[in-house]
């Protein structure tokens, strides 16, 4: 049975890492894996990966790629007040994401 981890963070949000080797750095969310509760942040949590050549003209080698990080280790960044938590506010029939500190919508 697969469970889906609920997260308030979406693709293209700007987040700051709050734990791990890249603590304090920020970047844009590229991908979200809701099944495992992980996400990939642009330019952060870089790891080395060996690549085999696809054909005889290509070269193999070692490349740097972004690895996934747990969603609990990031906080979304508000444009006004910095890293914050997210709440929801009902606006008619729609649910809007808001900053818990200043009330700004995302």
PDB file of N, CA and C in Angstrom:
ATOM      1  N   UNK A   1       0.841  -1.175   0.000  1.00  0.00           N
ATOM      2  CA  UNK A   1       0.000   0.000   0.000  1.00  0.00           C
ATOM      3  C   UNK A   1       0.888   1.242   0.000  1.00  0.00           C
ATOM      4  N   UNK A   2       0.694   2.100  -0.972  1.00  0.00           N
ATOM      5  CA  UNK A   2       1.515   3.306  -1.066  1.00  0.00           C
ATOM      6  C   UNK A   2       0.763   4.484  -0.455  1.00  0.00           C
ATOM      7  N   UNK A   3       1.469   5.229   0.383  1.00  0.00           N
ATOM      8  CA  UNK A   3       0.874   6.416   0.980  1.00  0.00           C
ATOM      9  C   UNK A   3       1.487   7.646   0.341  1.00  0.00           C
ATOM     10  N   UNK A   4       0.697   8.669   0.187  1.00  0.00           N
ATOM     11  CA  UNK A   4       1.161   9.916  -0.409  1.00  0.00           C
ATOM     12  C   UNK A   4       1.398  10.911   0.727  1.00  0.00           C
ATOM     13  N   UNK A   5       2.603  11.499   0.741  1.00  0.00           N
ATOM     14  CA  UNK A   5       2.942  12.487   1.754  1.00  0.00           C
ATOM     15  C   UNK A   5       2.364  13.830   1.334  1.00  0.00           C
ATOM     16  N   UNK A   6       1.544  14.423   2.204  1.00  0.00           N
ATOM     17  CA  UNK A   6       0.973  15.734   1.895  1.00  0.00           C
ATOM     18  C   UNK A   6       2.022  16.802   2.141  1.00  0.00           C
ATOM     19  N   UNK A   7       2.150  17.712   1.203  1.00  0.00           N
ATOM     20  CA  UNK A   7       3.084  18.816   1.347  1.00  0.00           C
ATOM     21  C   UNK A   7       2.455  20.083   0.797  1.00  0.00           C
ATOM     22  N   UNK A   8       2.795  21.212   1.395  1.00  0.00           N
ATOM     23  CA  UNK A   8       2.249  22.489   0.957  1.00  0.00           C
ATOM     24  C   UNK A   8       3.164  23.166  -0.061  1.00  0.00           C
ATOM     25  N   UNK A   9       4.301  22.553  -0.342  1.00  0.00           N
ATOM     26  CA  UNK A   9       5.263  23.111  -1.289  1.00  0.00           C
ATOM     27  C   UNK A   9       4.928  22.618  -2.691  1.00  0.00           C
ATOM     28  N   UNK A  10       5.028  23.520  -3.657  1.00  0.00           N
ATOM     29  CA  UNK A  10       4.742  23.179  -5.051  1.00  0.00           C
ATOM     30  C   UNK A  10       5.973  23.414  -5.910  1.00  0.00           C
ATOM     31  N   UNK A  11       5.929  22.911  -7.148  1.00  0.00           N
ATOM     32  CA  UNK A  11       6.997  23.128  -8.106  1.00  0.00           C
ATOM     33  C   UNK A  11       7.151  24.625  -8.365  1.00  0.00           C
ATOM     34  N   UNK A  12       8.384  25.076  -8.572  1.00  0.00           N
ATOM     35  CA  UNK A  12       8.763  26.469  -8.839  1.00  0.00           C
ATOM     36  C   UNK A  12       8.690  27.381  -7.613  1.00  0.00           C
ATOM     37  N   UNK A  13       8.408  26.842  -6.426  1.00  0.00           N
ATOM     38  CA  UNK A  13       8.498  27.632  -5.197  1.00  0.00           C
ATOM     39  C   UNK A  13       9.970  27.844  -4.855  1.00  0.00           C
ATOM     40  N   UNK A  14      10.280  28.963  -4.208  1.00  0.00           N
ATOM     41  CA  UNK A  14      11.626  29.203  -3.711  1.00  0.00           C
ATOM     42  C   UNK A  14      11.679  28.739  -2.266  1.00  0.00           C
ATOM     43  N   UNK A  15      12.622  27.836  -1.972  1.00  0.00           N
ATOM     44  CA  UNK A  15      12.726  27.263  -0.631  1.00  0.00           C
ATOM     45  C   UNK A  15      14.124  27.456  -0.081  1.00  0.00           C
ATOM     46  N   UNK A  16      14.234  27.390   1.250  1.00  0.00           N
ATOM     47  CA  UNK A  16      15.523  27.450   1.930  1.00  0.00           C
ATOM     48  C   UNK A  16      15.713  26.139   2.666  1.00  0.00           C
ATOM     49  N   UNK A  17      16.929  25.587   2.591  1.00  0.00           N
ATOM     50  CA  UNK A  17      17.233  24.345   3.278  1.00  0.00           C
ATOM     51  C   UNK A  17      17.549  24.660   4.735  1.00  0.00           C
ATOM     52  N   UNK A  18      16.909  23.931   5.655  1.00  0.00           N
ATOM     53  CA  UNK A  18      17.078  24.211   7.082  1.00  0.00           C
ATOM     54  C   UNK A  18      17.867  23.131   7.808  1.00  0.00           C
ATOM     55  N   UNK A  19      18.262  22.065   7.101  1.00  0.00           N
ATOM     56  CA  UNK A  19      19.048  21.007   7.729  1.00  0.00           C
ATOM     57  C   UNK A  19      19.888  20.314   6.663  1.00  0.00           C
ATOM     58  N   UNK A  20      21.075  19.844   7.055  1.00  0.00           N
ATOM     59  CA  UNK A  20      21.934  19.108   6.140  1.00  0.00           C
ATOM     60  C   UNK A  20      23.135  19.912   5.694  1.00  0.00           C
ATOM     61  N   UNK A  21      23.846  19.380   4.702  1.00  0.00           N
ATOM     62  CA  UNK A  21      25.106  19.997   4.274  1.00  0.00           C
ATOM     63  C   UNK A  21      24.924  21.348   3.593  1.00  0.00           C
ATOM     64  N   UNK A  22      23.760  21.616   3.031  1.00  0.00           N
ATOM     65  CA  UNK A  22      23.490  22.885   2.355  1.00  0.00           C
ATOM     66  C   UNK A  22      22.606  23.806   3.192  1.00  0.00           C
ATOM     67  N   UNK A  23      22.645  23.670   4.498  1.00  0.00           N
ATOM     68  CA  UNK A  23      21.801  24.468   5.400  1.00  0.00           C
ATOM     69  C   UNK A  23      22.016  25.961   5.167  1.00  0.00           C
ATOM     70  N   UNK A  24      20.911  26.706   5.032  1.00  0.00           N
ATOM     71  CA  UNK A  24      20.968  28.148   4.830  1.00  0.00           C
ATOM     72  C   UNK A  24      20.913  28.569   3.376  1.00  0.00           C
ATOM     73  N   UNK A  25      21.144  27.654   2.441  1.00  0.00           N
ATOM     74  CA  UNK A  25      21.103  27.986   1.019  1.00  0.00           C
ATOM     75  C   UNK A  25      19.670  27.897   0.513  1.00  0.00           C
ATOM     76  N   UNK A  26      19.391  28.613  -0.575  1.00  0.00           N
ATOM     77  CA  UNK A  26      18.042  28.595  -1.121  1.00  0.00           C
ATOM     78  C   UNK A  26      18.073  28.355  -2.625  1.00  0.00           C
ATOM     79  N   UNK A  27      16.962  27.857  -3.149  1.00  0.00           N
ATOM     80  CA  UNK A  27      16.846  27.579  -4.573  1.00  0.00           C
ATOM     81  C   UNK A  27      15.409  27.281  -4.955  1.00  0.00           C
ATOM     82  N   UNK A  28      15.205  27.031  -6.250  1.00  0.00           N
ATOM     83  CA  UNK A  28      13.878  26.779  -6.797  1.00  0.00           C
ATOM     84  C   UNK A  28      13.611  25.277  -6.840  1.00  0.00           C
ATOM     85  N   UNK A  29      12.388  24.875  -6.512  1.00  0.00           N
ATOM     86  CA  UNK A  29      11.996  23.468  -6.534  1.00  0.00           C
ATOM     87  C   UNK A  29      11.816  23.029  -7.982  1.00  0.00           C
ATOM     88  N   UNK A  30      12.525  21.956  -8.373  1.00  0.00           N
ATOM     89  CA  UNK A  30      12.427  21.433  -9.735  1.00  0.00           C
ATOM     90  C   UNK A  30      11.410  20.296  -9.850  1.00  0.00           C
ATOM     91  N   UNK A  31      11.462  19.354  -8.902  1.00  0.00           N
ATOM     92  CA  UNK A  31      10.568  18.195  -8.924  1.00  0.00           C
ATOM     93  C   UNK A  31      10.132  17.860  -7.507  1.00  0.00           C
ATOM     94  N   UNK A  32       8.932  17.281  -7.378  1.00  0.00           N
ATOM     95  CA  UNK A  32       8.432  16.817  -6.084  1.00  0.00           C
ATOM     96  C   UNK A  32       7.998  15.371  -6.230  1.00  0.00           C
ATOM     97  N   UNK A  33       8.471  14.521  -5.313  1.00  0.00           N
ATOM     98  CA  UNK A  33       8.069  13.117  -5.263  1.00  0.00           C
ATOM     99  C   UNK A  33       7.171  12.957  -4.042  1.00  0.00           C
ATOM    100  N   UNK A  34       5.870  13.066  -4.247  1.00  0.00           N
ATOM    101  CA  UNK A  34       4.928  13.013  -3.133  1.00  0.00           C
ATOM    102  C   UNK A  34       4.833  11.616  -2.528  1.00  0.00           C
ATOM    103  N   UNK A  35       5.136  10.595  -3.307  1.00  0.00           N
ATOM    104  CA  UNK A  35       5.067   9.223  -2.805  1.00  0.00           C
ATOM    105  C   UNK A  35       6.112   8.988  -1.713  1.00  0.00           C
ATOM    106  N   UNK A  36       7.318   9.534  -1.904  1.00  0.00           N
ATOM    107  CA  UNK A  36       8.397   9.342  -0.932  1.00  0.00           C
ATOM    108  C   UNK A  36       8.636  10.561  -0.050  1.00  0.00           C
ATOM    109  N   UNK A  37       7.929  11.666  -0.289  1.00  0.00           N
ATOM    110  CA  UNK A  37       8.081  12.859   0.521  1.00  0.00           C
ATOM    111  C   UNK A  37       9.418  13.562   0.312  1.00  0.00           C
ATOM    112  N   UNK A  38       9.875  13.608  -0.936  1.00  0.00           N
ATOM    113  CA  UNK A  38      11.164  14.214  -1.246  1.00  0.00           C
ATOM    114  C   UNK A  38      11.007  15.205  -2.396  1.00  0.00           C
ATOM    115  N   UNK A  39      11.968  16.123  -2.508  1.00  0.00           N
ATOM    116  CA  UNK A  39      11.948  17.083  -3.602  1.00  0.00           C
ATOM    117  C   UNK A  39      13.369  17.404  -4.036  1.00  0.00           C
ATOM    118  N   UNK A  40      13.499  17.936  -5.250  1.00  0.00           N
ATOM    119  CA  UNK A  40      14.794  18.310  -5.820  1.00  0.00           C
ATOM    120  C   UNK A  40      14.831  19.821  -5.941  1.00  0.00           C
ATOM    121  N   UNK A  41      15.901  20.426  -5.383  1.00  0.00           N
ATOM    122  CA  UNK A  41      16.079  21.871  -5.411  1.00  0.00           C
ATOM    123  C   UNK A  41      17.213  22.207  -6.371  1.00  0.00           C
ATOM    124  N   UNK A  42      17.014  23.190  -7.228  1.00  0.00           N
ATOM    125  CA  UNK A  42      17.967  23.554  -8.263  1.00  0.00           C
ATOM    126  C   UNK A  42      19.300  23.999  -7.655  1.00  0.00           C
ATOM    127  N   UNK A  43      20.382  23.304  -8.039  1.00  0.00           N
ATOM    128  CA  UNK A  43      21.738  23.678  -7.638  1.00  0.00           C
ATOM    129  C   UNK A  43      22.126  23.291  -6.221  1.00  0.00           C
ATOM    130  N   UNK A  44      21.278  22.582  -5.496  1.00  0.00           N
ATOM    131  CA  UNK A  44      21.582  22.216  -4.116  1.00  0.00           C
ATOM    132  C   UNK A  44      21.554  20.705  -3.925  1.00  0.00           C
ATOM    133  N   UNK A  45      22.232  20.234  -2.867  1.00  0.00           N
ATOM    134  CA  UNK A  45      22.370  18.811  -2.550  1.00  0.00           C
ATOM    135  C   UNK A  45      22.994  18.065  -3.729  1.00  0.00           C
ATOM    136  N   UNK A  46      24.092  18.617  -4.242  1.00  0.00           N
ATOM    137  CA  UNK A  46      24.763  18.052  -5.412  1.00  0.00           C
ATOM    138  C   UNK A  46      25.530  16.785  -5.025  1.00  0.00           C
ATOM    139  N   UNK A  47      25.423  15.756  -5.889  1.00  0.00           N
ATOM    140  CA  UNK A  47      26.151  14.504  -5.703  1.00  0.00           C
ATOM    141  C   UNK A  47      26.839  14.142  -7.009  1.00  0.00           C
ATOM    142  N   UNK A  48      27.880  13.335  -6.917  1.00  0.00           N
ATOM    143  CA  UNK A  48      28.601  12.868  -8.102  1.00  0.00           C
ATOM    144  C   UNK A  48      27.943  11.594  -8.605  1.00  0.00           C
ATOM    145  N   UNK A  49      27.827  11.482  -9.935  1.00  0.00           N
ATOM    146  CA  UNK A  49      27.256  10.286 -10.542  1.00  0.00           C
ATOM    147  C   UNK A  49      28.120   9.878 -11.725  1.00  0.00           C
ATOM    148  N   UNK A  50      28.417   8.582 -11.814  1.00  0.00           N
ATOM    149  CA  UNK A  50      29.183   8.102 -12.963  1.00  0.00           C
ATOM    150  C   UNK A  50      28.225   7.822 -14.110  1.00  0.00           C
ATOM    151  N   UNK A  51      28.653   8.208 -15.327  1.00  0.00           N
ATOM    152  CA  UNK A  51      27.820   8.058 -16.520  1.00  0.00           C
ATOM    153  C   UNK A  51      28.579   7.229 -17.534  1.00  0.00           C
ATOM    154  N   UNK A  52      27.908   6.220 -18.075  1.00  0.00           N
ATOM    155  CA  UNK A  52      28.514   5.397 -19.109  1.00  0.00           C
ATOM    156  C   UNK A  52      28.287   6.046 -20.469  1.00  0.00           C
ATOM    157  N   UNK A  53      29.208   5.845 -21.418  1.00  0.00           N
ATOM    158  CA  UNK A  53      29.003   6.410 -22.756  1.00  0.00           C
ATOM    159  C   UNK A  53      27.820   5.741 -23.464  1.00  0.00           C
ATOM    160  N   UNK A  54      27.000   6.534 -24.144  1.00  0.00           N
ATOM    161  CA  UNK A  54      25.830   6.008 -24.856  1.00  0.00           C
ATOM    162  C   UNK A  54      26.242   5.316 -26.164  1.00  0.00           C
ATOM    163  N   UNK A  55      27.246   5.897 -26.853  1.00  0.00           N
ATOM    164  CA  UNK A  55      27.753   5.280 -28.073  1.00  0.00           C
ATOM    165  C   UNK A  55      29.271   5.479 -28.123  1.00  0.00           C
ATOM    166  N   UNK A  56      29.907   5.102 -29.244  1.00  0.00           N
ATOM    167  CA  UNK A  56      31.367   5.146 -29.306  1.00  0.00           C
ATOM    168  C   UNK A  56      31.923   6.565 -29.339  1.00  0.00           C
ATOM    169  N   UNK A  57      31.121   7.536 -29.812  1.00  0.00           N
ATOM    170  CA  UNK A  57      31.608   8.907 -29.861  1.00  0.00           C
ATOM    171  C   UNK A  57      31.498   9.608 -28.497  1.00  0.00           C
ATOM    172  N   UNK A  58      30.550   9.191 -27.676  1.00  0.00           N
ATOM    173  CA  UNK A  58      30.346   9.822 -26.366  1.00  0.00           C
ATOM    174  C   UNK A  58      31.450   9.423 -25.398  1.00  0.00           C
ATOM    175  N   UNK A  59      31.660  10.312 -24.435  1.00  0.00           N
ATOM    176  CA  UNK A  59      32.581  10.009 -23.356  1.00  0.00           C
ATOM    177  C   UNK A  59      31.782   9.766 -22.090  1.00  0.00           C
ATOM    178  N   UNK A  60      32.202   8.796 -21.337  1.00  0.00           N
ATOM    179  CA  UNK A  60      31.621   8.591 -20.018  1.00  0.00           C
ATOM    180  C   UNK A  60      32.321   9.524 -19.053  1.00  0.00           C
ATOM    181  N   UNK A  61      31.966   9.460 -17.806  1.00  0.00           N
ATOM    182  CA  UNK A  61      32.650  10.293 -16.836  1.00  0.00           C
ATOM    183  C   UNK A  61      31.846  10.478 -15.570  1.00  0.00           C
ATOM    184  N   UNK A  62      32.255  11.445 -14.790  1.00  0.00           N
ATOM    185  CA  UNK A  62      31.597  11.747 -13.532  1.00  0.00           C
ATOM    186  C   UNK A  62      30.927  13.119 -13.668  1.00  0.00           C
ATOM    187  N   UNK A  63      29.627  13.164 -13.369  1.00  0.00           N
ATOM    188  CA  UNK A  63      28.892  14.417 -13.466  1.00  0.00           C
ATOM    189  C   UNK A  63      28.295  14.768 -12.109  1.00  0.00           C
ATOM    190  N   UNK A  64      27.965  16.057 -11.917  1.00  0.00           N
ATOM    191  CA  UNK A  64      27.280  16.516 -10.713  1.00  0.00           C
ATOM    192  C   UNK A  64      25.802  16.661 -11.026  1.00  0.00           C
ATOM    193  N   UNK A  65      24.954  16.051 -10.190  1.00  0.00           N
ATOM    194  CA  UNK A  65      23.502  16.198 -10.338  1.00  0.00           C
ATOM    195  C   UNK A  65      22.893  16.542  -8.984  1.00  0.00           C
ATOM    196  N   UNK A  66      21.685  17.104  -9.023  1.00  0.00           N
ATOM    197  CA  UNK A  66      20.973  17.410  -7.789  1.00  0.00           C
ATOM    198  C   UNK A  66      20.303  16.144  -7.271  1.00  0.00           C
ATOM    199  N   UNK A  67      20.492  15.847  -5.993  1.00  0.00           N
ATOM    200  CA  UNK A  67      19.833  14.708  -5.368  1.00  0.00           C
ATOM    201  C   UNK A  67      18.599  15.203  -4.619  1.00  0.00           C
ATOM    202  N   UNK A  68      17.679  14.283  -4.355  1.00  0.00           N
ATOM    203  CA  UNK A  68      16.452  14.640  -3.650  1.00  0.00           C
ATOM    204  C   UNK A  68      16.741  14.896  -2.176  1.00  0.00           C
ATOM    205  N   UNK A  69      15.938  15.769  -1.579  1.00  0.00           N
ATOM    206  CA  UNK A  69      16.048  16.100  -0.160  1.00  0.00           C
ATOM    207  C   UNK A  69      14.659  15.948   0.453  1.00  0.00           C
ATOM    208  N   UNK A  70      14.596  15.585   1.716  1.00  0.00           N
ATOM    209  CA  UNK A  70      13.315  15.379   2.379  1.00  0.00           C
ATOM    210  C   UNK A  70      12.557  16.704   2.502  1.00  0.00           C
ATOM    211  N   UNK A  71      11.244  16.637   2.358  1.00  0.00           N
ATOM    212  CA  UNK A  71      10.440  17.860   2.413  1.00  0.00           C
ATOM    213  C   UNK A  71      10.471  18.513   3.787  1.00  0.00           C
ATOM    214  N   UNK A  72      10.771  17.744   4.829  1.00  0.00           N
ATOM    215  CA  UNK A  72      10.811  18.324   6.176  1.00  0.00           C
ATOM    216  C   UNK A  72      12.053  19.179   6.384  1.00  0.00           C
ATOM    217  N   UNK A  73      13.023  19.097   5.485  1.00  0.00           N
ATOM    218  CA  UNK A  73      14.274  19.845   5.615  1.00  0.00           C
ATOM    219  C   UNK A  73      14.281  21.155   4.836  1.00  0.00           C
ATOM    220  N   UNK A  74      13.124  21.585   4.331  1.00  0.00           N
ATOM    221  CA  UNK A  74      13.052  22.853   3.597  1.00  0.00           C
ATOM    222  C   UNK A  74      11.908  23.705   4.135  1.00  0.00           C
ATOM    223  N   UNK A  75      12.069  25.027   3.997  1.00  0.00           N
ATOM    224  CA  UNK A  75      11.011  25.988   4.320  1.00  0.00           C
ATOM    225  C   UNK A  75      10.821  26.902   3.123  1.00  0.00           C
ATOM    226  N   UNK A  76       9.576  27.238   2.842  1.00  0.00           N
ATOM    227  CA  UNK A  76       9.285  28.139   1.733  1.00  0.00           C
ATOM    228  C   UNK A  76       9.695  29.558   2.128  1.00  0.00           C
ATOM    229  N   UNK A  77      10.123  30.339   1.118  1.00  0.00           N
ATOM    230  CA  UNK A  77      10.567  31.706   1.370  1.00  0.00           C
ATOM    231  C   UNK A  77       9.495  32.679   0.907  1.00  0.00           C
ATOM    232  N   UNK A  78       9.037  33.528   1.839  1.00  0.00           N
ATOM    233  CA  UNK A  78       8.089  34.604   1.534  1.00  0.00           C
ATOM    234  C   UNK A  78       8.895  35.786   0.985  1.00  0.00           C
ATOM    235  N   UNK A  79       8.336  36.498   0.016  1.00  0.00           N
ATOM    236  CA  UNK A  79       9.031  37.647  -0.576  1.00  0.00           C
ATOM    237  C   UNK A  79       9.225  38.780   0.428  1.00  0.00           C
ATOM    238  N   UNK A  80       8.295  38.919   1.388  1.00  0.00           N
ATOM    239  CA  UNK A  80       8.377  39.995   2.368  1.00  0.00           C
ATOM    240  C   UNK A  80       9.242  39.649   3.577  1.00  0.00           C
ATOM    241  N   UNK A  81       9.008  38.458   4.166  1.00  0.00           N
ATOM    242  CA  UNK A  81       9.600  38.196   5.486  1.00  0.00           C
ATOM    243  C   UNK A  81      10.567  37.024   5.550  1.00  0.00           C
ATOM    244  N   UNK A  82      10.901  36.387   4.436  1.00  0.00           N
ATOM    245  CA  UNK A  82      11.899  35.317   4.448  1.00  0.00           C
ATOM    246  C   UNK A  82      11.293  33.942   4.691  1.00  0.00           C
ATOM    247  N   UNK A  83      12.086  32.995   5.259  1.00  0.00           N
ATOM    248  CA  UNK A  83      11.592  31.627   5.471  1.00  0.00           C
ATOM    249  C   UNK A  83      10.399  31.621   6.429  1.00  0.00           C
ATOM    250  N   UNK A  84       9.360  30.900   6.056  1.00  0.00           N
ATOM    251  CA  UNK A  84       8.136  30.908   6.857  1.00  0.00           C
ATOM    252  C   UNK A  84       7.377  29.608   6.659  1.00  0.00           C
ATOM    253  N   UNK A  85       6.349  29.451   7.458  1.00  0.00           N
ATOM    254  CA  UNK A  85       5.428  28.335   7.287  1.00  0.00           C
ATOM    255  C   UNK A  85       4.258  28.795   6.425  1.00  0.00           C
ATOM    256  N   UNK A  86       3.500  27.824   5.922  1.00  0.00           N
ATOM    257  CA  UNK A  86       2.397  28.136   5.016  1.00  0.00           C
ATOM    258  C   UNK A  86       1.085  27.778   5.680  1.00  0.00           C
ATOM    259  N   UNK A  87       0.098  28.649   5.503  1.00  0.00           N
ATOM    260  CA  UNK A  87      -1.255  28.360   5.933  1.00  0.00           C
ATOM    261  C   UNK A  87      -2.186  28.480   4.747  1.00  0.00           C
ATOM    262  N   UNK A  88      -3.447  28.170   4.971  1.00  0.00           N
ATOM    263  CA  UNK A  88      -4.440  28.289   3.907  1.00  0.00           C
ATOM    264  C   UNK A  88      -5.543  29.239   4.343  1.00  0.00           C
ATOM    265  N   UNK A  89      -6.095  29.966   3.364  1.00  0.00           N
ATOM    266  CA  UNK A  89      -7.184  30.893   3.621  1.00  0.00           C
ATOM    267  C   UNK A  89      -8.228  30.666   2.533  1.00  0.00           C
ATOM    268  N   UNK A  90      -9.482  30.539   2.935  1.00  0.00           N
ATOM    269  CA  UNK A  90     -10.554  30.358   1.971  1.00  0.00           C
ATOM    270  C   UNK A  90     -10.942  31.702   1.377  1.00  0.00           C
ATOM    271  N   UNK A  91     -10.943  31.763   0.051  1.00  0.00           N
ATOM    272  CA  UNK A  91     -11.333  32.978  -0.659  1.00  0.00           C
ATOM    273  C   UNK A  91     -12.457  32.584  -1.610  1.00  0.00           C
ATOM    274  N   UNK A  92     -13.680  32.670  -1.127  1.00  0.00           N
ATOM    275  CA  UNK A  92     -14.808  32.187  -1.911  1.00  0.00           C
ATOM    276  C   UNK A  92     -14.787  30.666  -1.924  1.00  0.00           C
ATOM    277  N   UNK A  93     -14.654  30.084  -3.106  1.00  0.00           N
ATOM    278  CA  UNK A  93     -14.572  28.631  -3.221  1.00  0.00           C
ATOM    279  C   UNK A  93     -13.130  28.141  -3.309  1.00  0.00           C
ATOM    280  N   UNK A  94     -12.159  29.064  -3.427  1.00  0.00           N
ATOM    281  CA  UNK A  94     -10.757  28.681  -3.620  1.00  0.00           C
ATOM    282  C   UNK A  94      -9.979  28.712  -2.313  1.00  0.00           C
ATOM    283  N   UNK A  95      -9.006  27.809  -2.194  1.00  0.00           N
ATOM    284  CA  UNK A  95      -8.082  27.815  -1.074  1.00  0.00           C
ATOM    285  C   UNK A  95      -6.803  28.491  -1.531  1.00  0.00           C
ATOM    286  N   UNK A  96      -6.364  29.526  -0.816  1.00  0.00           N
ATOM    287  CA  UNK A  96      -5.136  30.237  -1.172  1.00  0.00           C
ATOM    288  C   UNK A  96      -4.078  29.965  -0.123  1.00  0.00           C
ATOM    289  N   UNK A  97      -2.825  29.800  -0.570  1.00  0.00           N
ATOM    290  CA  UNK A  97      -1.706  29.627   0.351  1.00  0.00           C
ATOM    291  C   UNK A  97      -1.269  30.993   0.849  1.00  0.00           C
ATOM    292  N   UNK A  98      -1.102  31.121   2.167  1.00  0.00           N
ATOM    293  CA  UNK A  98      -0.671  32.394   2.745  1.00  0.00           C
ATOM    294  C   UNK A  98       0.520  32.182   3.656  1.00  0.00           C
ATOM    295  N   UNK A  99       1.279  33.257   3.861  1.00  0.00           N
ATOM    296  CA  UNK A  99       2.410  33.274   4.790  1.00  0.00           C
ATOM    297  C   UNK A  99       1.857  33.360   6.212  1.00  0.00           C
ATOM    298  N   UNK A 100       2.383  32.526   7.117  1.00  0.00           N
ATOM    299  CA  UNK A 100       1.924  32.545   8.501  1.00  0.00           C
ATOM    300  C   UNK A 100       2.398  33.789   9.245  1.00  0.00           C
ATOM    301  N   UNK A 101       3.498  34.421   8.793  1.00  0.00           N
ATOM    302  CA  UNK A 101       4.035  35.597   9.479  1.00  0.00           C
ATOM    303  C   UNK A 101       3.305  36.874   9.084  1.00  0.00           C
ATOM    304  N   UNK A 102       3.204  37.121   7.766  1.00  0.00           N
ATOM    305  CA  UNK A 102       2.684  38.427   7.327  1.00  0.00           C
ATOM    306  C   UNK A 102       1.341  38.345   6.604  1.00  0.00           C
ATOM    307  N   UNK A 103       0.889  37.148   6.239  1.00  0.00           N
ATOM    308  CA  UNK A 103      -0.408  37.002   5.574  1.00  0.00           C
ATOM    309  C   UNK A 103      -0.367  37.178   4.070  1.00  0.00           C
ATOM    310  N   UNK A 104       0.817  37.376   3.498  1.00  0.00           N
ATOM    311  CA  UNK A 104       0.985  37.534   2.043  1.00  0.00           C
ATOM    312  C   UNK A 104       0.609  36.227   1.329  1.00  0.00           C
ATOM    313  N   UNK A 105      -0.069  36.322   0.165  1.00  0.00           N
ATOM    314  CA  UNK A 105      -0.437  35.122  -0.593  1.00  0.00           C
ATOM    315  C   UNK A 105       0.706  34.712  -1.500  1.00  0.00           C
ATOM    316  N   UNK A 106       0.793  33.417  -1.784  1.00  0.00           N
ATOM    317  CA  UNK A 106       1.831  32.877  -2.666  1.00  0.00           C
ATOM    318  C   UNK A 106       1.304  32.684  -4.061  1.00  0.00           C
TER     319      UNK A 106
END
